[in-house]
Amino acid sequence: MFKDFFLGFVKIHILYHAGKEPVYGTGIMEELGRHGYKLGPGTLYPILHKLEKEEYLKRSDRVVNGKVRKYYSITPMGEEALREIKEKILELVNEVVYEH
């Protein structure tokens, strides 16, 4: 049950970090791990592909150490979504955490 809730948080983290600098699979997996999210490639890559398909992220391929690495950056649509999400996060935190 909690997995569904946490997947939403993971998507927000991905958008946030992709807005700071381009992210790639293993790099964002490590970053998410620092926040307590233990994701495998079978969970992460479908999320990245879906965010790309929905045009929240754009992909660029780069050769790193002789291998192609897919980097994801936030798109203008992703930036707008993140702005709206931040407003909703603040509203939720204020209601759930601070209001009794």
Protein backbone atom coordinates (compact mmCIF):
# COMPACT_ATOMS: atom_id res chain seq x y z
CA MET A 1 0.00 0.00 0.00
CA PHE A 2 2.73 2.49 0.95
CA LYS A 3 4.57 1.83 -2.31
CA ASP A 4 1.95 3.80 -4.26
CA PHE A 5 2.35 6.80 -1.95
CA PHE A 6 6.13 6.71 -2.12
CA LEU A 7 6.19 6.47 -5.92
CA GLY A 8 4.59 9.91 -6.02
CA PHE A 9 7.35 11.24 -3.77
CA VAL A 10 9.96 9.59 -6.00
CA LYS A 11 8.57 11.35 -9.08
CA ILE A 12 8.74 14.69 -7.28
CA HIS A 13 12.35 14.03 -6.24
CA ILE A 14 13.24 13.15 -9.83
CA LEU A 15 11.66 16.34 -11.20
CA TYR A 16 13.36 18.42 -8.53
CA HIS A 17 16.83 16.99 -9.15
CA ALA A 18 16.40 17.03 -12.95
CA GLY A 19 15.61 20.73 -12.57
CA LYS A 20 18.94 21.31 -10.84
CA GLU A 21 21.06 19.32 -13.32
CA PRO A 22 20.59 16.44 -15.74
CA VAL A 23 20.17 13.10 -13.96
CA TYR A 24 20.83 9.52 -15.07
CA GLY A 25 19.53 6.22 -13.76
CA THR A 26 22.17 5.00 -11.33
CA GLY A 27 22.94 8.53 -10.19
CA ILE A 28 19.33 9.31 -9.30
CA MET A 29 18.97 5.85 -7.70
CA GLU A 30 21.84 6.73 -5.36
CA GLU A 31 20.34 10.14 -4.60
CA LEU A 32 16.95 8.60 -3.86
CA GLY A 33 18.70 6.05 -1.65
CA ARG A 34 20.08 8.92 0.45
CA HIS A 35 16.46 9.90 1.09
CA GLY A 36 15.53 6.35 2.11
CA TYR A 37 14.01 5.19 -1.17
CA LYS A 38 15.44 1.83 -2.20
CA LEU A 39 14.54 1.42 -5.87
CA GLY A 40 15.81 -1.07 -8.36
CA PRO A 41 16.16 -0.45 -12.08
CA GLY A 42 12.88 -2.29 -12.71
CA THR A 43 11.04 0.40 -10.77
CA LEU A 44 13.10 3.47 -11.61
CA TYR A 45 13.48 3.20 -15.37
CA PRO A 46 9.75 2.85 -16.09
CA ILE A 47 9.20 6.02 -14.02
CA LEU A 48 11.86 7.91 -15.99
CA HIS A 49 10.43 6.66 -19.30
CA LYS A 50 6.90 7.63 -18.28
CA LEU A 51 7.98 11.12 -17.19
CA GLU A 52 9.74 11.49 -20.54
CA LYS A 53 6.73 10.20 -22.50
CA GLU A 54 4.49 12.64 -20.61
CA GLU A 55 6.98 15.42 -21.51
CA TYR A 56 7.97 16.32 -17.96
CA LEU A 57 11.52 15.22 -18.76
CA LYS A 58 13.60 15.22 -21.93
CA ARG A 59 16.37 12.74 -22.62
CA SER A 60 19.79 13.26 -24.11
CA ASP A 61 22.30 10.49 -24.73
CA ARG A 62 25.98 10.96 -23.87
CA VAL A 63 28.91 8.61 -24.21
CA VAL A 64 30.58 8.09 -20.83
CA ASN A 65 33.53 5.69 -20.58
CA GLY A 66 32.62 4.20 -23.94
CA LYS A 67 28.98 3.54 -23.02
CA VAL A 68 25.86 5.51 -23.85
CA ARG A 69 24.28 7.03 -20.75
CA LYS A 70 20.79 8.52 -20.85
CA TYR A 71 20.50 11.85 -19.07
CA TYR A 72 17.15 13.39 -18.17
CA SER A 73 16.48 17.12 -17.77
CA ILE A 74 13.30 18.86 -16.73
CA THR A 75 11.19 20.41 -19.48
CA PRO A 76 9.17 23.63 -19.22
CA MET A 77 6.09 21.47 -18.62
CA GLY A 78 7.97 19.65 -15.85
CA GLU A 79 8.99 22.97 -14.31
CA GLU A 80 5.37 24.13 -14.27
CA ALA A 81 4.24 20.84 -12.75
CA LEU A 82 6.93 21.11 -10.08
CA ARG A 83 5.84 24.66 -9.21
CA GLU A 84 2.26 23.47 -8.75
CA ILE A 85 3.39 20.41 -6.80
CA LYS A 86 5.43 22.60 -4.42
CA GLU A 87 2.32 24.65 -3.64
CA LYS A 88 0.36 21.47 -2.91
CA ILE A 89 3.19 20.10 -0.77
CA LEU A 90 3.22 23.25 1.36
CA GLU A 91 -0.55 23.12 1.73
CA LEU A 92 -0.43 19.45 2.71
CA VAL A 93 2.43 19.87 5.19
CA ASN A 94 0.67 22.80 6.82
CA GLU A 95 -2.53 20.80 7.17
CA VAL A 96 -1.09 17.43 8.17
CA VAL A 97 1.87 18.51 10.28
CA TYR A 98 0.99 21.91 11.74
CA GLU A 99 -2.80 22.03 12.03
CA HIS A 100 -4.37 20.03 14.81
